[in-house]
Amino acid sequence: ARDGRLLGIVHLKDIVKGGIRERFAALRHMGIRTVMIT
């Protein structure tokens, strides 16, 4: 905001690490359940 006037939104994004999806798939294949805490 500038001088009390809303201008908009800045989009901040958490970048998911490369290859992490494949690693979770391997864990799932091993019978391990993955839980993300945030």
PDB file of all heavy atoms in Angstrom:
ATOM      1  N   ALA A   1       0.852  -1.202   0.000  1.00  0.00           N
ATOM      2  CA  ALA A   1       0.000   0.000   0.000  1.00  0.00           C
ATOM      3  C   ALA A   1       0.881   1.243   0.000  1.00  0.00           C
ATOM      4  O   ALA A   1       1.992   1.234   0.543  1.00  0.00           O
ATOM      5  CB  ALA A   1      -0.923   0.004   1.216  1.00  0.00           C
ATOM      6  N   ARG A   2       0.368   2.296  -0.621  1.00  0.00           N
ATOM      7  CA  ARG A   2       1.096   3.576  -0.641  1.00  0.00           C
ATOM      8  C   ARG A   2       0.131   4.684  -0.214  1.00  0.00           C
ATOM      9  O   ARG A   2      -0.912   4.875  -0.836  1.00  0.00           O
ATOM     10  CB  ARG A   2       1.647   3.858  -2.033  1.00  0.00           C
ATOM     11  CG  ARG A   2       2.498   5.124  -2.099  1.00  0.00           C
ATOM     12  CD  ARG A   2       3.304   5.176  -3.379  1.00  0.00           C
ATOM     13  NE  ARG A   2       4.343   6.190  -3.301  1.00  0.00           N
ATOM     14  CZ  ARG A   2       5.441   6.189  -4.041  1.00  0.00           C
ATOM     15  NH1 ARG A   2       5.661   5.207  -4.909  1.00  0.00           N
ATOM     16  NH2 ARG A   2       6.334   7.151  -3.917  1.00  0.00           N
ATOM     17  N   ASP A   3       0.503   5.371   0.858  1.00  0.00           N
ATOM     18  CA  ASP A   3      -0.313   6.467   1.378  1.00  0.00           C
ATOM     19  C   ASP A   3      -1.767   6.027   1.590  1.00  0.00           C
ATOM     20  O   ASP A   3      -2.715   6.717   1.215  1.00  0.00           O
ATOM     21  CB  ASP A   3      -0.261   7.670   0.436  1.00  0.00           C
ATOM     22  CG  ASP A   3       1.147   8.249   0.335  1.00  0.00           C
ATOM     23  OD1 ASP A   3       1.887   8.162   1.343  1.00  0.00           O
ATOM     24  OD2 ASP A   3       1.501   8.756  -0.740  1.00  0.00           O
ATOM     25  N   GLY A   4      -1.933   4.858   2.165  1.00  0.00           N
ATOM     26  CA  GLY A   4      -3.273   4.371   2.485  1.00  0.00           C
ATOM     27  C   GLY A   4      -4.022   3.780   1.327  1.00  0.00           C
ATOM     28  O   GLY A   4      -5.164   3.343   1.483  1.00  0.00           O
ATOM     29  N   ARG A   5      -3.414   3.712   0.150  1.00  0.00           N
ATOM     30  CA  ARG A   5      -4.084   3.170  -1.036  1.00  0.00           C
ATOM     31  C   ARG A   5      -3.499   1.800  -1.357  1.00  0.00           C
ATOM     32  O   ARG A   5      -2.286   1.660  -1.557  1.00  0.00           O
ATOM     33  CB  ARG A   5      -3.883   4.109  -2.223  1.00  0.00           C
ATOM     34  CG  ARG A   5      -4.639   3.675  -3.483  1.00  0.00           C
ATOM     35  CD  ARG A   5      -4.592   4.771  -4.529  1.00  0.00           C
ATOM     36  NE  ARG A   5      -3.238   5.071  -4.918  1.00  0.00           N
ATOM     37  CZ  ARG A   5      -2.740   4.927  -6.167  1.00  0.00           C
ATOM     38  NH1 ARG A   5      -3.533   4.503  -7.126  1.00  0.00           N
ATOM     39  NH2 ARG A   5      -1.497   5.244  -6.430  1.00  0.00           N
ATOM     40  N   LEU A   6      -4.327   0.790  -1.361  1.00  0.00           N
ATOM     41  CA  LEU A   6      -3.873  -0.562  -1.700  1.00  0.00           C
ATOM     42  C   LEU A   6      -3.438  -0.613  -3.164  1.00  0.00           C
ATOM     43  O   LEU A   6      -4.168  -0.139  -4.054  1.00  0.00           O
ATOM     44  CB  LEU A   6      -4.994  -1.579  -1.462  1.00  0.00           C
ATOM     45  CG  LEU A   6      -5.376  -1.829   0.006  1.00  0.00           C
ATOM     46  CD1 LEU A   6      -6.645  -2.662   0.089  1.00  0.00           C
ATOM     47  CD2 LEU A   6      -4.230  -2.529   0.737  1.00  0.00           C
ATOM     48  N   LEU A   7      -2.261  -1.184  -3.404  1.00  0.00           N
ATOM     49  CA  LEU A   7      -1.745  -1.276  -4.772  1.00  0.00           C
ATOM     50  C   LEU A   7      -1.877  -2.686  -5.337  1.00  0.00           C
ATOM     51  O   LEU A   7      -2.084  -2.860  -6.543  1.00  0.00           O
ATOM     52  CB  LEU A   7      -0.279  -0.848  -4.811  1.00  0.00           C
ATOM     53  CG  LEU A   7       0.022   0.584  -4.367  1.00  0.00           C
ATOM     54  CD1 LEU A   7       1.518   0.860  -4.469  1.00  0.00           C
ATOM     55  CD2 LEU A   7      -0.772   1.598  -5.194  1.00  0.00           C
ATOM     56  N   GLY A   8      -1.721  -3.692  -4.487  1.00  0.00           N
ATOM     57  CA  GLY A   8      -1.802  -5.058  -4.993  1.00  0.00           C
ATOM     58  C   GLY A   8      -1.031  -6.041  -4.136  1.00  0.00           C
ATOM     59  O   GLY A   8      -0.713  -5.778  -2.973  1.00  0.00           O
ATOM     60  N   ILE A   9      -0.721  -7.147  -4.756  1.00  0.00           N
ATOM     61  CA  ILE A   9      -0.098  -8.279  -4.056  1.00  0.00           C
ATOM     62  C   ILE A   9       1.219  -8.651  -4.720  1.00  0.00           C
ATOM     63  O   ILE A   9       1.325  -8.672  -5.953  1.00  0.00           O
ATOM     64  CB  ILE A   9      -1.034  -9.509  -4.076  1.00  0.00           C
ATOM     65  CG1 ILE A   9      -2.279  -9.260  -3.231  1.00  0.00           C
ATOM     66  CG2 ILE A   9      -0.311 -10.768  -3.603  1.00  0.00           C
ATOM     67  CD1 ILE A   9      -2.034  -9.203  -1.747  1.00  0.00           C
ATOM     68  N   VAL A  10       2.229  -8.930  -3.891  1.00  0.00           N
ATOM     69  CA  VAL A  10       3.456  -9.566  -4.372  1.00  0.00           C
ATOM     70  C   VAL A  10       3.323 -11.051  -4.077  1.00  0.00           C
ATOM     71  O   VAL A  10       3.083 -11.448  -2.928  1.00  0.00           O
ATOM     72  CB  VAL A  10       4.708  -8.996  -3.674  1.00  0.00           C
ATOM     73  CG1 VAL A  10       5.957  -9.712  -4.183  1.00  0.00           C
ATOM     74  CG2 VAL A  10       4.817  -7.503  -3.900  1.00  0.00           C
ATOM     75  N   HIS A  11       3.456 -11.866  -5.111  1.00  0.00           N
ATOM     76  CA  HIS A  11       3.324 -13.321  -4.970  1.00  0.00           C
ATOM     77  C   HIS A  11       4.682 -13.913  -4.566  1.00  0.00           C
ATOM     78  O   HIS A  11       5.622 -13.927  -5.352  1.00  0.00           O
ATOM     79  CB  HIS A  11       2.845 -13.916  -6.298  1.00  0.00           C
ATOM     80  CG  HIS A  11       2.613 -15.401  -6.242  1.00  0.00           C
ATOM     81  ND1 HIS A  11       2.142 -16.116  -7.317  1.00  0.00           N
ATOM     82  CD2 HIS A  11       2.788 -16.312  -5.255  1.00  0.00           C
ATOM     83  CE1 HIS A  11       2.040 -17.384  -6.984  1.00  0.00           C
ATOM     84  NE2 HIS A  11       2.438 -17.521  -5.741  1.00  0.00           N
ATOM     85  N   LEU A  12       4.759 -14.371  -3.318  1.00  0.00           N
ATOM     86  CA  LEU A  12       5.955 -15.068  -2.831  1.00  0.00           C
ATOM     87  C   LEU A  12       5.691 -16.566  -2.889  1.00  0.00           C
ATOM     88  O   LEU A  12       4.635 -17.031  -2.450  1.00  0.00           O
ATOM     89  CB  LEU A  12       6.280 -14.670  -1.386  1.00  0.00           C
ATOM     90  CG  LEU A  12       6.567 -13.195  -1.119  1.00  0.00           C
ATOM     91  CD1 LEU A  12       6.779 -12.971   0.371  1.00  0.00           C
ATOM     92  CD2 LEU A  12       7.786 -12.729  -1.901  1.00  0.00           C
ATOM     93  N   LYS A  13       6.650 -17.276  -3.409  1.00  0.00           N
ATOM     94  CA  LYS A  13       6.410 -18.706  -3.584  1.00  0.00           C
ATOM     95  C   LYS A  13       7.536 -19.528  -2.990  1.00  0.00           C
ATOM     96  O   LYS A  13       8.715 -19.215  -3.156  1.00  0.00           O
ATOM     97  CB  LYS A  13       6.263 -19.040  -5.076  1.00  0.00           C
ATOM     98  CG  LYS A  13       5.910 -20.508  -5.322  1.00  0.00           C
ATOM     99  CD  LYS A  13       5.618 -20.793  -6.782  1.00  0.00           C
ATOM    100  CE  LYS A  13       5.227 -22.249  -6.972  1.00  0.00           C
ATOM    101  NZ  LYS A  13       4.927 -22.590  -8.363  1.00  0.00           N
ATOM    102  N   ASP A  14       7.138 -20.599  -2.288  1.00  0.00           N
ATOM    103  CA  ASP A  14       8.098 -21.598  -1.829  1.00  0.00           C
ATOM    104  C   ASP A  14       8.415 -22.498  -3.010  1.00  0.00           C
ATOM    105  O   ASP A  14       7.511 -23.116  -3.593  1.00  0.00           O
ATOM    106  CB  ASP A  14       7.510 -22.445  -0.700  1.00  0.00           C
ATOM    107  CG  ASP A  14       7.461 -21.673   0.602  1.00  0.00           C
ATOM    108  OD1 ASP A  14       8.417 -20.949   0.879  1.00  0.00           O
ATOM    109  OD2 ASP A  14       6.464 -21.793   1.329  1.00  0.00           O
ATOM    110  N   ILE A  15       9.693 -22.598  -3.352  1.00  0.00           N
ATOM    111  CA  ILE A  15      10.096 -23.414  -4.497  1.00  0.00           C
ATOM    112  C   ILE A  15      10.352 -24.839  -4.022  1.00  0.00           C
ATOM    113  O   ILE A  15      11.233 -25.087  -3.187  1.00  0.00           O
ATOM    114  CB  ILE A  15      11.368 -22.846  -5.160  1.00  0.00           C
ATOM    115  CG1 ILE A  15      11.165 -21.351  -5.474  1.00  0.00           C
ATOM    116  CG2 ILE A  15      11.708 -23.636  -6.407  1.00  0.00           C
ATOM    117  CD1 ILE A  15      10.023 -21.066  -6.405  1.00  0.00           C
ATOM    118  N   VAL A  16       9.561 -25.786  -4.521  1.00  0.00           N
ATOM    119  CA  VAL A  16       9.739 -27.191  -4.155  1.00  0.00           C
ATOM    120  C   VAL A  16      11.037 -27.706  -4.767  1.00  0.00           C
ATOM    121  O   VAL A  16      11.338 -27.439  -5.936  1.00  0.00           O
ATOM    122  CB  VAL A  16       8.541 -28.039  -4.642  1.00  0.00           C
ATOM    123  CG1 VAL A  16       8.791 -29.523  -4.393  1.00  0.00           C
ATOM    124  CG2 VAL A  16       7.268 -27.592  -3.939  1.00  0.00           C
ATOM    125  N   LYS A  17      11.807 -28.410  -3.970  1.00  0.00           N
ATOM    126  CA  LYS A  17      13.106 -28.897  -4.427  1.00  0.00           C
ATOM    127  C   LYS A  17      12.954 -29.889  -5.570  1.00  0.00           C
ATOM    128  O   LYS A  17      12.033 -30.723  -5.583  1.00  0.00           O
ATOM    129  CB  LYS A  17      13.852 -29.571  -3.270  1.00  0.00           C
ATOM    130  CG  LYS A  17      14.275 -28.598  -2.177  1.00  0.00           C
ATOM    131  CD  LYS A  17      15.059 -29.302  -1.087  1.00  0.00           C
ATOM    132  CE  LYS A  17      15.543 -28.302  -0.042  1.00  0.00           C
ATOM    133  NZ  LYS A  17      16.299 -28.956   1.038  1.00  0.00           N
ATOM    134  N   GLY A  18      13.872 -29.797  -6.504  1.00  0.00           N
ATOM    135  CA  GLY A  18      13.860 -30.695  -7.644  1.00  0.00           C
ATOM    136  C   GLY A  18      14.101 -32.137  -7.227  1.00  0.00           C
ATOM    137  O   GLY A  18      14.979 -32.422  -6.409  1.00  0.00           O
ATOM    138  N   GLY A  19      13.322 -33.060  -7.775  1.00  0.00           N
ATOM    139  CA  GLY A  19      13.498 -34.485  -7.501  1.00  0.00           C
ATOM    140  C   GLY A  19      12.862 -34.968  -6.214  1.00  0.00           C
ATOM    141  O   GLY A  19      12.858 -36.164  -5.935  1.00  0.00           O
ATOM    142  N   ILE A  20      12.287 -34.029  -5.414  1.00  0.00           N
ATOM    143  CA  ILE A  20      11.735 -34.436  -4.121  1.00  0.00           C
ATOM    144  C   ILE A  20      10.498 -35.304  -4.315  1.00  0.00           C
ATOM    145  O   ILE A  20      10.242 -36.221  -3.532  1.00  0.00           O
ATOM    146  CB  ILE A  20      11.403 -33.199  -3.256  1.00  0.00           C
ATOM    147  CG1 ILE A  20      11.252 -33.604  -1.786  1.00  0.00           C
ATOM    148  CG2 ILE A  20      10.153 -32.495  -3.747  1.00  0.00           C
ATOM    149  CD1 ILE A  20      12.524 -33.867  -1.083  1.00  0.00           C
ATOM    150  N   ARG A  21       9.733 -35.062  -5.372  1.00  0.00           N
ATOM    151  CA  ARG A  21       8.522 -35.854  -5.622  1.00  0.00           C
ATOM    152  C   ARG A  21       8.886 -37.313  -5.890  1.00  0.00           C
ATOM    153  O   ARG A  21       8.222 -38.233  -5.400  1.00  0.00           O
ATOM    154  CB  ARG A  21       7.751 -35.270  -6.806  1.00  0.00           C
ATOM    155  CG  ARG A  21       6.381 -35.891  -7.004  1.00  0.00           C
ATOM    156  CD  ARG A  21       5.639 -35.259  -8.171  1.00  0.00           C
ATOM    157  NE  ARG A  21       4.285 -35.792  -8.279  1.00  0.00           N
ATOM    158  CZ  ARG A  21       3.237 -35.282  -7.656  1.00  0.00           C
ATOM    159  NH1 ARG A  21       3.385 -34.206  -6.906  1.00  0.00           N
ATOM    160  NH2 ARG A  21       2.043 -35.821  -7.788  1.00  0.00           N
ATOM    161  N   GLU A  22       9.965 -37.521  -6.661  1.00  0.00           N
ATOM    162  CA  GLU A  22      10.404 -38.887  -6.956  1.00  0.00           C
ATOM    163  C   GLU A  22      10.883 -39.597  -5.691  1.00  0.00           C
ATOM    164  O   GLU A  22      10.683 -40.807  -5.522  1.00  0.00           O
ATOM    165  CB  GLU A  22      11.515 -38.866  -8.003  1.00  0.00           C
ATOM    166  CG  GLU A  22      11.076 -38.469  -9.411  1.00  0.00           C
ATOM    167  CD  GLU A  22      10.756 -36.987  -9.549  1.00  0.00           C
ATOM    168  OE1 GLU A  22      11.218 -36.201  -8.675  1.00  0.00           O
ATOM    169  OE2 GLU A  22      10.074 -36.596 -10.505  1.00  0.00           O
ATOM    170  N   ARG A  23      11.523 -38.852  -4.786  1.00  0.00           N
ATOM    171  CA  ARG A  23      12.013 -39.451  -3.555  1.00  0.00           C
ATOM    172  C   ARG A  23      10.852 -39.879  -2.659  1.00  0.00           C
ATOM    173  O   ARG A  23      10.899 -40.935  -2.028  1.00  0.00           O
ATOM    174  CB  ARG A  23      12.915 -38.470  -2.814  1.00  0.00           C
ATOM    175  CG  ARG A  23      14.116 -38.015  -3.639  1.00  0.00           C
ATOM    176  CD  ARG A  23      15.102 -37.222  -2.831  1.00  0.00           C
ATOM    177  NE  ARG A  23      15.865 -38.097  -1.964  1.00  0.00           N
ATOM    178  CZ  ARG A  23      16.789 -37.664  -1.110  1.00  0.00           C
ATOM    179  NH1 ARG A  23      17.025 -36.383  -1.006  1.00  0.00           N
ATOM    180  NH2 ARG A  23      17.448 -38.505  -0.361  1.00  0.00           N
ATOM    181  N   PHE A  24       9.816 -39.066  -2.628  1.00  0.00           N
ATOM    182  CA  PHE A  24       8.638 -39.438  -1.841  1.00  0.00           C
ATOM    183  C   PHE A  24       7.941 -40.652  -2.458  1.00  0.00           C
ATOM    184  O   PHE A  24       7.388 -41.488  -1.739  1.00  0.00           O
ATOM    185  CB  PHE A  24       7.668 -38.265  -1.731  1.00  0.00           C
ATOM    186  CG  PHE A  24       8.144 -37.172  -0.816  1.00  0.00           C
ATOM    187  CD1 PHE A  24       7.914 -35.842  -1.104  1.00  0.00           C
ATOM    188  CD2 PHE A  24       8.844 -37.477   0.348  1.00  0.00           C
ATOM    189  CE1 PHE A  24       8.351 -34.840  -0.257  1.00  0.00           C
ATOM    190  CE2 PHE A  24       9.297 -36.479   1.190  1.00  0.00           C
ATOM    191  CZ  PHE A  24       9.052 -35.160   0.894  1.00  0.00           C
ATOM    192  N   ALA A  25       7.957 -40.742  -3.776  1.00  0.00           N
ATOM    193  CA  ALA A  25       7.360 -41.901  -4.443  1.00  0.00           C
ATOM    194  C   ALA A  25       8.117 -43.176  -4.073  1.00  0.00           C
ATOM    195  O   ALA A  25       7.511 -44.239  -3.859  1.00  0.00           O
ATOM    196  CB  ALA A  25       7.367 -41.692  -5.959  1.00  0.00           C
ATOM    197  N   ALA A  26       9.465 -43.071  -3.986  1.00  0.00           N
ATOM    198  CA  ALA A  26      10.269 -44.228  -3.586  1.00  0.00           C
ATOM    199  C   ALA A  26       9.950 -44.640  -2.152  1.00  0.00           C
ATOM    200  O   ALA A  26       9.857 -45.833  -1.839  1.00  0.00           O
ATOM    201  CB  ALA A  26      11.757 -43.899  -3.735  1.00  0.00           C
ATOM    202  N   LEU A  27       9.789 -43.662  -1.268  1.00  0.00           N
ATOM    203  CA  LEU A  27       9.427 -43.967   0.120  1.00  0.00           C
ATOM    204  C   LEU A  27       8.054 -44.636   0.188  1.00  0.00           C
ATOM    205  O   LEU A  27       7.839 -45.573   0.968  1.00  0.00           O
ATOM    206  CB  LEU A  27       9.435 -42.693   0.953  1.00  0.00           C
ATOM    207  CG  LEU A  27      10.812 -42.105   1.277  1.00  0.00           C
ATOM    208  CD1 LEU A  27      10.671 -40.707   1.869  1.00  0.00           C
ATOM    209  CD2 LEU A  27      11.570 -42.998   2.237  1.00  0.00           C
ATOM    210  N   ARG A  28       7.134 -44.158  -0.620  1.00  0.00           N
ATOM    211  CA  ARG A  28       5.800 -44.753  -0.645  1.00  0.00           C
ATOM    212  C   ARG A  28       5.874 -46.198  -1.112  1.00  0.00           C
ATOM    213  O   ARG A  28       5.167 -47.075  -0.593  1.00  0.00           O
ATOM    214  CB  ARG A  28       4.892 -43.934  -1.559  1.00  0.00           C
ATOM    215  CG  ARG A  28       3.422 -44.308  -1.476  1.00  0.00           C
ATOM    216  CD  ARG A  28       2.557 -43.391  -2.358  1.00  0.00           C
ATOM    217  NE  ARG A  28       2.718 -41.997  -1.967  1.00  0.00           N
ATOM    218  CZ  ARG A  28       3.351 -41.085  -2.696  1.00  0.00           C
ATOM    219  NH1 ARG A  28       3.894 -41.411  -3.862  1.00  0.00           N
ATOM    220  NH2 ARG A  28       3.446 -39.838  -2.282  1.00  0.00           N
ATOM    221  N   HIS A  29       6.755 -46.458  -2.066  1.00  0.00           N
ATOM    222  CA  HIS A  29       6.942 -47.820  -2.568  1.00  0.00           C
ATOM    223  C   HIS A  29       7.506 -48.728  -1.484  1.00  0.00           C
ATOM    224  O   HIS A  29       7.263 -49.930  -1.477  1.00  0.00           O
ATOM    225  CB  HIS A  29       7.884 -47.790  -3.780  1.00  0.00           C
ATOM    226  CG  HIS A  29       7.985 -49.091  -4.504  1.00  0.00           C
ATOM    227  ND1 HIS A  29       6.898 -49.709  -5.096  1.00  0.00           N
ATOM    228  CD2 HIS A  29       9.044 -49.915  -4.731  1.00  0.00           C
ATOM    229  CE1 HIS A  29       7.281 -50.839  -5.654  1.00  0.00           C
ATOM    230  NE2 HIS A  29       8.577 -50.987  -5.444  1.00  0.00           N
ATOM    231  N   MET A  30       8.250 -48.137  -0.541  1.00  0.00           N
ATOM    232  CA  MET A  30       8.806 -48.885   0.587  1.00  0.00           C
ATOM    233  C   MET A  30       7.790 -49.073   1.704  1.00  0.00           C
ATOM    234  O   MET A  30       8.065 -49.731   2.710  1.00  0.00           O
ATOM    235  CB  MET A  30      10.020 -48.136   1.163  1.00  0.00           C
ATOM    236  CG  MET A  30      11.224 -48.112   0.239  1.00  0.00           C
ATOM    237  SD  MET A  30      12.365 -46.746   0.631  1.00  0.00           S
ATOM    238  CE  MET A  30      12.497 -46.871   2.400  1.00  0.00           C
ATOM    239  N   GLY A  31       6.607 -48.476   1.554  1.00  0.00           N
ATOM    240  CA  GLY A  31       5.588 -48.600   2.584  1.00  0.00           C
ATOM    241  C   GLY A  31       5.666 -47.535   3.656  1.00  0.00           C
ATOM    242  O   GLY A  31       5.074 -47.686   4.734  1.00  0.00           O
ATOM    243  N   ILE A  32       6.380 -46.434   3.385  1.00  0.00           N
ATOM    244  CA  ILE A  32       6.533 -45.347   4.360  1.00  0.00           C
ATOM    245  C   ILE A  32       5.596 -44.196   4.001  1.00  0.00           C
ATOM    246  O   ILE A  32       5.596 -43.719   2.872  1.00  0.00           O
ATOM    247  CB  ILE A  32       7.992 -44.858   4.411  1.00  0.00           C
ATOM    248  CG1 ILE A  32       8.911 -45.980   4.894  1.00  0.00           C
ATOM    249  CG2 ILE A  32       8.124 -43.649   5.332  1.00  0.00           C
ATOM    250  CD1 ILE A  32      10.378 -45.610   4.877  1.00  0.00           C
ATOM    251  N   ARG A  33       4.812 -43.775   4.981  1.00  0.00           N
ATOM    252  CA  ARG A  33       3.884 -42.657   4.794  1.00  0.00           C
ATOM    253  C   ARG A  33       4.594 -41.357   5.138  1.00  0.00           C
ATOM    254  O   ARG A  33       5.215 -41.234   6.188  1.00  0.00           O
ATOM    255  CB  ARG A  33       2.671 -42.849   5.695  1.00  0.00           C
ATOM    256  CG  ARG A  33       1.657 -41.722   5.686  1.00  0.00           C
ATOM    257  CD  ARG A  33       0.405 -42.145   6.449  1.00  0.00           C
ATOM    258  NE  ARG A  33      -0.501 -41.036   6.669  1.00  0.00           N
ATOM    259  CZ  ARG A  33      -0.594 -40.361   7.808  1.00  0.00           C
ATOM    260  NH1 ARG A  33       0.184 -40.697   8.831  1.00  0.00           N
ATOM    261  NH2 ARG A  33      -1.446 -39.367   7.939  1.00  0.00           N
ATOM    262  N   THR A  34       4.520 -40.376   4.242  1.00  0.00           N
ATOM    263  CA  THR A  34       5.197 -39.095   4.447  1.00  0.00           C
ATOM    264  C   THR A  34       4.181 -38.023   4.824  1.00  0.00           C
ATOM    265  O   THR A  34       3.110 -37.922   4.216  1.00  0.00           O
ATOM    266  CB  THR A  34       5.963 -38.660   3.180  1.00  0.00           C
ATOM    267  OG1 THR A  34       5.080 -38.669   2.059  1.00  0.00           O
ATOM    268  CG2 THR A  34       7.112 -39.609   2.907  1.00  0.00           C
ATOM    269  N   VAL A  35       4.522 -37.235   5.834  1.00  0.00           N
ATOM    270  CA  VAL A  35       3.648 -36.164   6.312  1.00  0.00           C
ATOM    271  C   VAL A  35       4.447 -34.869   6.356  1.00  0.00           C
ATOM    272  O   VAL A  35       5.498 -34.806   6.999  1.00  0.00           O
ATOM    273  CB  VAL A  35       3.089 -36.473   7.711  1.00  0.00           C
ATOM    274  CG1 VAL A  35       2.167 -35.348   8.178  1.00  0.00           C
ATOM    275  CG2 VAL A  35       2.337 -37.808   7.718  1.00  0.00           C
ATOM    276  N   MET A  36       3.967 -33.841   5.667  1.00  0.00           N
ATOM    277  CA  MET A  36       4.610 -32.531   5.677  1.00  0.00           C
ATOM    278  C   MET A  36       4.064 -31.709   6.840  1.00  0.00           C
ATOM    279  O   MET A  36       2.848 -31.641   7.041  1.00  0.00           O
ATOM    280  CB  MET A  36       4.345 -31.804   4.362  1.00  0.00           C
ATOM    281  CG  MET A  36       4.992 -30.433   4.252  1.00  0.00           C
ATOM    282  SD  MET A  36       4.506 -29.567   2.732  1.00  0.00           S
ATOM    283  CE  MET A  36       2.859 -29.000   3.178  1.00  0.00           C
ATOM    284  N   ILE A  37       4.955 -31.091   7.607  1.00  0.00           N
ATOM    285  CA  ILE A  37       4.562 -30.249   8.730  1.00  0.00           C
ATOM    286  C   ILE A  37       4.898 -28.803   8.388  1.00  0.00           C
ATOM    287  O   ILE A  37       6.019 -28.501   7.963  1.00  0.00           O
ATOM    288  CB  ILE A  37       5.295 -30.666  10.019  1.00  0.00           C
ATOM    289  CG1 ILE A  37       4.961 -32.113  10.366  1.00  0.00           C
ATOM    290  CG2 ILE A  37       4.928 -29.758  11.171  1.00  0.00           C
ATOM    291  CD1 ILE A  37       5.700 -32.630  11.564  1.00  0.00           C
ATOM    292  N   THR A  38       3.924 -27.912   8.563  1.00  0.00           N
ATOM    293  CA  THR A  38       4.155 -26.516   8.206  1.00  0.00           C
ATOM    294  C   THR A  38       3.303 -25.601   9.076  1.00  0.00           C
ATOM    295  O   THR A  38       2.271 -26.011   9.616  1.00  0.00           O
ATOM    296  CB  THR A  38       3.814 -26.264   6.715  1.00  0.00           C
ATOM    297  OG1 THR A  38       3.973 -24.887   6.423  1.00  0.00           O
ATOM    298  CG2 THR A  38       2.389 -26.679   6.400  1.00  0.00           C
TER     299      THR A  38
END
